[in-house]
Amino acid sequence: MTQWTKYHRAGATLLLCCSLLANATDVYMSRDKNGNMTFSDQPSSGAEAHKVKPLPTVPAFVPPPQAPAAEVKPEPRLQYTSLGIISPTDQAQLPTGAAGGLTVSGVLSPGLQPGDSIQLLNNGQVIQRGSQTSFTLEYMDRGEHQLQLRVVNSKDKPLISSNTVTIYIQRHSVIRRANGN
């Protein structure tokens, strides 16, 4: 059997004291025939009784009860005051060289609210949707087009509509070339 160092003895004593404190018993110290110290909760011949003092304790921190959170009211929804198409202008004619491509730009006041979107309509039909007031169109058919912007909520309910802008797309006709005109 190896000799215990004084650190081993101190550690064992500390562990024993901690476990004994939990059980709230007396501790008895004695030495065996080799001079090693032993600890027990049972008295033996030649053992010295030690009263273990309770360790000071601190009660657990219990936070005070919190008042119920105040009901958060949603911010009032802003009403749109204006929406308009600023480009192209009404009655604009796109020449043949433009190949039917154009950018429709608008202005919205106040800015787009969360959950809403902007639709671009061509002749009353939704052709694009987004969160911007600018849309690029390419390869539009020749002829007359009536463009309009509309802000809708998440259920597609219209909230505000712009003015209607009429444009004319010009393109060469294959029929016209065949006749030599």
C-alpha atoms as a PDB file:
ATOM      1  CA  MET A   1       0.000   0.000   0.000  1.00  0.00           C
ATOM      2  CA  THR A   2       1.410   3.390  -0.947  1.00  0.00           C
ATOM      3  CA  GLN A   3       1.780   6.167   1.529  1.00  0.00           C
ATOM      4  CA  TRP A   4      -0.724   8.978   1.166  1.00  0.00           C
ATOM      5  CA  THR A   5       0.738  12.414   0.855  1.00  0.00           C
ATOM      6  CA  LYS A   6      -0.602  15.206   2.951  1.00  0.00           C
ATOM      7  CA  TYR A   7      -2.426  16.505  -0.176  1.00  0.00           C
ATOM      8  CA  HIS A   8      -4.189  13.182  -0.646  1.00  0.00           C
ATOM      9  CA  ARG A   9      -5.193  13.220   2.998  1.00  0.00           C
ATOM     10  CA  ALA A  10      -6.475  16.798   2.773  1.00  0.00           C
ATOM     11  CA  GLY A  11      -8.457  15.974  -0.357  1.00  0.00           C
ATOM     12  CA  ALA A  12      -9.940  12.874   1.224  1.00  0.00           C
ATOM     13  CA  THR A  13     -10.770  14.845   4.334  1.00  0.00           C
ATOM     14  CA  LEU A  14     -12.468  17.519   2.303  1.00  0.00           C
ATOM     15  CA  LEU A  15     -14.500  14.978   0.315  1.00  0.00           C
ATOM     16  CA  LEU A  16     -15.453  13.131   3.457  1.00  0.00           C
ATOM     17  CA  CYS A  17     -16.461  16.320   5.204  1.00  0.00           C
ATOM     18  CA  CYS A  18     -18.578  17.390   2.265  1.00  0.00           C
ATOM     19  CA  SER A  19     -20.338  14.042   2.088  1.00  0.00           C
ATOM     20  CA  LEU A  20     -20.800  13.978   5.823  1.00  0.00           C
ATOM     21  CA  LEU A  21     -22.239  17.436   5.825  1.00  0.00           C
ATOM     22  CA  ALA A  22     -24.885  16.257   3.449  1.00  0.00           C
ATOM     23  CA  ASN A  23     -25.777  13.486   5.909  1.00  0.00           C
ATOM     24  CA  ALA A  24     -25.225  15.659   9.004  1.00  0.00           C
ATOM     25  CA  THR A  25     -23.260  13.039  10.983  1.00  0.00           C
ATOM     26  CA  ASP A  26     -20.250  13.114  13.282  1.00  0.00           C
ATOM     27  CA  VAL A  27     -16.826  12.321  11.869  1.00  0.00           C
ATOM     28  CA  TYR A  28     -14.455   9.963  13.640  1.00  0.00           C
ATOM     29  CA  MET A  29     -10.705  10.120  12.963  1.00  0.00           C
ATOM     30  CA  SER A  30      -8.310   7.320  13.791  1.00  0.00           C
ATOM     31  CA  ARG A  31      -4.943   5.972  12.660  1.00  0.00           C
ATOM     32  CA  ASP A  32      -4.328   2.478  11.382  1.00  0.00           C
ATOM     33  CA  LYS A  33      -1.291   0.314  12.339  1.00  0.00           C
ATOM     34  CA  ASN A  34       0.797   2.006   9.589  1.00  0.00           C
ATOM     35  CA  GLY A  35      -0.046   5.493  10.864  1.00  0.00           C
ATOM     36  CA  ASN A  36      -2.431   6.345   8.042  1.00  0.00           C
ATOM     37  CA  MET A  37      -5.361   8.479   9.009  1.00  0.00           C
ATOM     38  CA  THR A  38      -8.840   7.034   8.452  1.00  0.00           C
ATOM     39  CA  PHE A  39     -12.188   8.721   8.649  1.00  0.00           C
ATOM     40  CA  SER A  40     -15.487   7.104   9.435  1.00  0.00           C
ATOM     41  CA  ASP A  41     -19.010   7.881  10.507  1.00  0.00           C
ATOM     42  CA  GLN A  42     -18.796   4.922  12.961  1.00  0.00           C
ATOM     43  CA  PRO A  43     -16.786   5.241  16.186  1.00  0.00           C
ATOM     44  CA  SER A  44     -13.900   2.817  16.649  1.00  0.00           C
ATOM     45  CA  SER A  45     -11.370   2.239  19.412  1.00  0.00           C
ATOM     46  CA  GLY A  46      -9.033   5.198  19.741  1.00  0.00           C
ATOM     47  CA  ALA A  47     -11.042   7.358  17.323  1.00  0.00           C
ATOM     48  CA  GLU A  48     -11.509  11.040  18.009  1.00  0.00           C
ATOM     49  CA  ALA A  49     -14.936  12.510  17.387  1.00  0.00           C
ATOM     50  CA  HIS A  50     -15.125  15.765  15.457  1.00  0.00           C
ATOM     51  CA  LYS A  51     -18.179  17.900  15.112  1.00  0.00           C
ATOM     52  CA  VAL A  52     -18.481  19.126  11.580  1.00  0.00           C
ATOM     53  CA  LYS A  53     -19.694  22.675  11.420  1.00  0.00           C
ATOM     54  CA  PRO A  54     -22.237  23.332   8.706  1.00  0.00           C
ATOM     55  CA  LEU A  55     -20.918  25.304   5.794  1.00  0.00           C
ATOM     56  CA  PRO A  56     -22.438  28.712   5.262  1.00  0.00           C
ATOM     57  CA  THR A  57     -24.947  28.660   2.453  1.00  0.00           C
ATOM     58  CA  VAL A  58     -26.523  31.328   0.354  1.00  0.00           C
ATOM     59  CA  PRO A  59     -30.112  30.872  -0.731  1.00  0.00           C
ATOM     60  CA  ALA A  60     -30.658  30.664  -4.466  1.00  0.00           C
ATOM     61  CA  PHE A  61     -31.501  33.920  -6.157  1.00  0.00           C
ATOM     62  CA  VAL A  62     -35.164  34.112  -7.033  1.00  0.00           C
ATOM     63  CA  PRO A  63     -35.893  36.944  -9.433  1.00  0.00           C
ATOM     64  CA  PRO A  64     -38.899  39.070  -8.609  1.00  0.00           C
ATOM     65  CA  PRO A  65     -41.984  38.245 -10.641  1.00  0.00           C
ATOM     66  CA  GLN A  66     -42.222  40.289 -13.792  1.00  0.00           C
ATOM     67  CA  ALA A  67     -45.239  42.299 -14.653  1.00  0.00           C
ATOM     68  CA  PRO A  68     -47.085  40.922 -17.673  1.00  0.00           C
ATOM     69  CA  ALA A  69     -45.785  42.366 -20.911  1.00  0.00           C
ATOM     70  CA  ALA A  70     -47.835  45.218 -22.223  1.00  0.00           C
ATOM     71  CA  GLU A  71     -49.796  44.352 -25.296  1.00  0.00           C
ATOM     72  CA  VAL A  72     -47.930  45.582 -28.333  1.00  0.00           C
ATOM     73  CA  LYS A  73     -50.245  47.404 -30.656  1.00  0.00           C
ATOM     74  CA  PRO A  74     -49.336  47.309 -34.327  1.00  0.00           C
ATOM     75  CA  GLU A  75     -48.333  50.608 -35.790  1.00  0.00           C
ATOM     76  CA  PRO A  76     -51.095  52.261 -37.747  1.00  0.00           C
ATOM     77  CA  ARG A  77     -50.833  51.511 -41.434  1.00  0.00           C
ATOM     78  CA  LEU A  78     -49.808  54.415 -43.614  1.00  0.00           C
ATOM     79  CA  GLN A  79     -52.170  55.310 -46.414  1.00  0.00           C
ATOM     80  CA  TYR A  80     -50.729  55.783 -49.879  1.00  0.00           C
ATOM     81  CA  THR A  81     -51.259  59.316 -51.121  1.00  0.00           C
ATOM     82  CA  SER A  82     -50.038  59.101 -54.716  1.00  0.00           C
ATOM     83  CA  LEU A  83     -48.891  56.705 -57.407  1.00  0.00           C
ATOM     84  CA  GLY A  84     -48.056  57.787 -60.913  1.00  0.00           C
ATOM     85  CA  ILE A  85     -46.235  56.712 -64.067  1.00  0.00           C
ATOM     86  CA  ILE A  86     -43.552  59.250 -64.964  1.00  0.00           C
ATOM     87  CA  SER A  87     -42.048  57.406 -67.927  1.00  0.00           C
ATOM     88  CA  PRO A  88     -43.049  56.788 -70.674  1.00  0.00           C
ATOM     89  CA  THR A  89     -45.295  59.773 -71.154  1.00  0.00           C
ATOM     90  CA  ASP A  90     -48.887  59.490 -72.275  1.00  0.00           C
ATOM     91  CA  GLN A  91     -49.319  59.095 -76.051  1.00  0.00           C
ATOM     92  CA  ALA A  92     -45.608  58.190 -76.499  1.00  0.00           C
ATOM     93  CA  GLN A  93     -44.656  56.363 -79.685  1.00  0.00           C
ATOM     94  CA  LEU A  94     -41.819  53.859 -79.632  1.00  0.00           C
ATOM     95  CA  PRO A  95     -40.108  53.780 -83.026  1.00  0.00           C
ATOM     96  CA  THR A  96     -39.221  50.643 -84.898  1.00  0.00           C
ATOM     97  CA  GLY A  97     -35.582  50.733 -83.751  1.00  0.00           C
ATOM     98  CA  ALA A  98     -36.564  50.264 -80.095  1.00  0.00           C
ATOM     99  CA  ALA A  99     -37.634  46.660 -80.857  1.00  0.00           C
ATOM    100  CA  GLY A 100     -40.588  46.945 -78.531  1.00  0.00           C
ATOM    101  CA  GLY A 101     -38.484  47.383 -75.373  1.00  0.00           C
ATOM    102  CA  LEU A 102     -39.100  50.095 -72.790  1.00  0.00           C
ATOM    103  CA  THR A 103     -38.819  50.894 -69.101  1.00  0.00           C
ATOM    104  CA  VAL A 104     -41.920  51.904 -67.170  1.00  0.00           C
ATOM    105  CA  SER A 105     -40.994  54.109 -64.191  1.00  0.00           C
ATOM    106  CA  GLY A 106     -43.319  55.344 -61.486  1.00  0.00           C
ATOM    107  CA  VAL A 107     -43.314  57.173 -58.190  1.00  0.00           C
ATOM    108  CA  LEU A 108     -45.134  56.105 -55.004  1.00  0.00           C
ATOM    109  CA  SER A 109     -45.708  58.145 -51.870  1.00  0.00           C
ATOM    110  CA  PRO A 110     -45.168  57.124 -49.120  1.00  0.00           C
ATOM    111  CA  GLY A 111     -42.842  54.222 -49.938  1.00  0.00           C
ATOM    112  CA  LEU A 112     -44.064  50.667 -50.302  1.00  0.00           C
ATOM    113  CA  GLN A 113     -45.178  49.161 -46.976  1.00  0.00           C
ATOM    114  CA  PRO A 114     -44.199  45.634 -45.839  1.00  0.00           C
ATOM    115  CA  GLY A 115     -46.522  42.984 -47.254  1.00  0.00           C
ATOM    116  CA  ASP A 116     -47.612  45.142 -50.210  1.00  0.00           C
ATOM    117  CA  SER A 117     -46.429  44.831 -53.805  1.00  0.00           C
ATOM    118  CA  ILE A 118     -46.648  46.792 -57.030  1.00  0.00           C
ATOM    119  CA  GLN A 119     -48.228  45.392 -60.181  1.00  0.00           C
ATOM    120  CA  LEU A 120     -47.722  46.595 -63.748  1.00  0.00           C
ATOM    121  CA  LEU A 121     -50.803  46.196 -65.892  1.00  0.00           C
ATOM    122  CA  ASN A 122     -50.897  46.194 -69.694  1.00  0.00           C
ATOM    123  CA  ASN A 123     -54.381  46.624 -71.139  1.00  0.00           C
ATOM    124  CA  GLY A 124     -55.865  45.704 -67.730  1.00  0.00           C
ATOM    125  CA  GLN A 125     -53.834  42.475 -67.301  1.00  0.00           C
ATOM    126  CA  VAL A 126     -51.070  42.049 -64.706  1.00  0.00           C
ATOM    127  CA  ILE A 127     -47.835  41.435 -66.596  1.00  0.00           C
ATOM    128  CA  GLN A 128     -45.236  42.014 -63.857  1.00  0.00           C
ATOM    129  CA  ARG A 129     -45.157  42.256 -60.065  1.00  0.00           C
ATOM    130  CA  GLY A 130     -42.493  43.413 -57.638  1.00  0.00           C
ATOM    131  CA  SER A 131     -41.439  45.751 -54.884  1.00  0.00           C
ATOM    132  CA  GLN A 132     -40.008  48.434 -57.167  1.00  0.00           C
ATOM    133  CA  THR A 133     -41.644  51.202 -59.158  1.00  0.00           C
ATOM    134  CA  SER A 134     -39.617  50.471 -62.288  1.00  0.00           C
ATOM    135  CA  PHE A 135     -40.263  47.630 -64.719  1.00  0.00           C
ATOM    136  CA  THR A 136     -38.458  46.709 -67.947  1.00  0.00           C
ATOM    137  CA  LEU A 137     -40.507  45.360 -70.837  1.00  0.00           C
ATOM    138  CA  GLU A 138     -39.047  43.745 -73.936  1.00  0.00           C
ATOM    139  CA  TYR A 139     -40.435  42.591 -77.272  1.00  0.00           C
ATOM    140  CA  MET A 140     -43.822  44.187 -76.848  1.00  0.00           C
ATOM    141  CA  ASP A 141     -46.316  43.620 -79.612  1.00  0.00           C
ATOM    142  CA  ARG A 142     -46.882  46.447 -82.027  1.00  0.00           C
ATOM    143  CA  GLY A 143     -49.894  48.625 -81.502  1.00  0.00           C
ATOM    144  CA  GLU A 144     -51.569  50.460 -78.669  1.00  0.00           C
ATOM    145  CA  HIS A 145     -50.842  49.585 -75.009  1.00  0.00           C
ATOM    146  CA  GLN A 146     -52.448  51.065 -71.900  1.00  0.00           C
ATOM    147  CA  LEU A 147     -50.068  50.829 -68.941  1.00  0.00           C
ATOM    148  CA  GLN A 148     -50.956  51.295 -65.288  1.00  0.00           C
ATOM    149  CA  LEU A 149     -49.269  50.687 -61.899  1.00  0.00           C
ATOM    150  CA  ARG A 150     -51.233  49.380 -58.943  1.00  0.00           C
ATOM    151  CA  VAL A 151     -50.293  48.735 -55.283  1.00  0.00           C
ATOM    152  CA  VAL A 152     -51.936  45.665 -53.767  1.00  0.00           C
ATOM    153  CA  ASN A 153     -51.821  44.125 -50.301  1.00  0.00           C
ATOM    154  CA  SER A 154     -50.887  40.498 -49.533  1.00  0.00           C
ATOM    155  CA  LYS A 155     -54.416  39.388 -50.543  1.00  0.00           C
ATOM    156  CA  ASP A 156     -54.175  41.205 -53.919  1.00  0.00           C
ATOM    157  CA  LYS A 157     -56.666  43.842 -52.806  1.00  0.00           C
ATOM    158  CA  PRO A 158     -55.906  47.079 -54.714  1.00  0.00           C
ATOM    159  CA  LEU A 159     -54.856  49.927 -52.436  1.00  0.00           C
ATOM    160  CA  ILE A 160     -54.024  52.644 -54.986  1.00  0.00           C
ATOM    161  CA  SER A 161     -53.729  52.846 -58.783  1.00  0.00           C
ATOM    162  CA  SER A 162     -51.786  55.167 -61.046  1.00  0.00           C
ATOM    163  CA  ASN A 163     -52.903  57.130 -64.038  1.00  0.00           C
ATOM    164  CA  THR A 164     -53.240  55.141 -67.267  1.00  0.00           C
ATOM    165  CA  VAL A 165     -50.602  55.903 -69.880  1.00  0.00           C
ATOM    166  CA  THR A 166     -51.281  55.012 -73.513  1.00  0.00           C
ATOM    167  CA  ILE A 167     -48.264  54.200 -75.683  1.00  0.00           C
ATOM    168  CA  TYR A 168     -47.889  53.049 -79.279  1.00  0.00           C
ATOM    169  CA  ILE A 169     -45.309  50.490 -80.367  1.00  0.00           C
ATOM    170  CA  GLN A 170     -44.285  50.819 -84.022  1.00  0.00           C
ATOM    171  CA  ARG A 171     -42.779  47.913 -85.937  1.00  0.00           C
ATOM    172  CA  HIS A 172     -42.311  47.034 -89.571  1.00  0.00           C
ATOM    173  CA  SER A 173     -44.856  44.633 -90.935  1.00  0.00           C
ATOM    174  CA  VAL A 174     -43.886  41.577 -92.938  1.00  0.00           C
ATOM    175  CA  ILE A 175     -47.123  42.005 -94.874  1.00  0.00           C
ATOM    176  CA  ARG A 176     -46.176  45.569 -95.762  1.00  0.00           C
ATOM    177  CA  ARG A 177     -42.795  44.483 -97.126  1.00  0.00           C
ATOM    178  CA  ALA A 178     -44.340  41.743 -99.242  1.00  0.00           C
ATOM    179  CA  ASN A 179     -46.543  44.295-101.019  1.00  0.00           C
ATOM    180  CA  GLY A 180     -43.552  46.484-101.717  1.00  0.00           C
ATOM    181  CA  ASN A 181     -44.881  49.410 -99.659  1.00  0.00           C
END
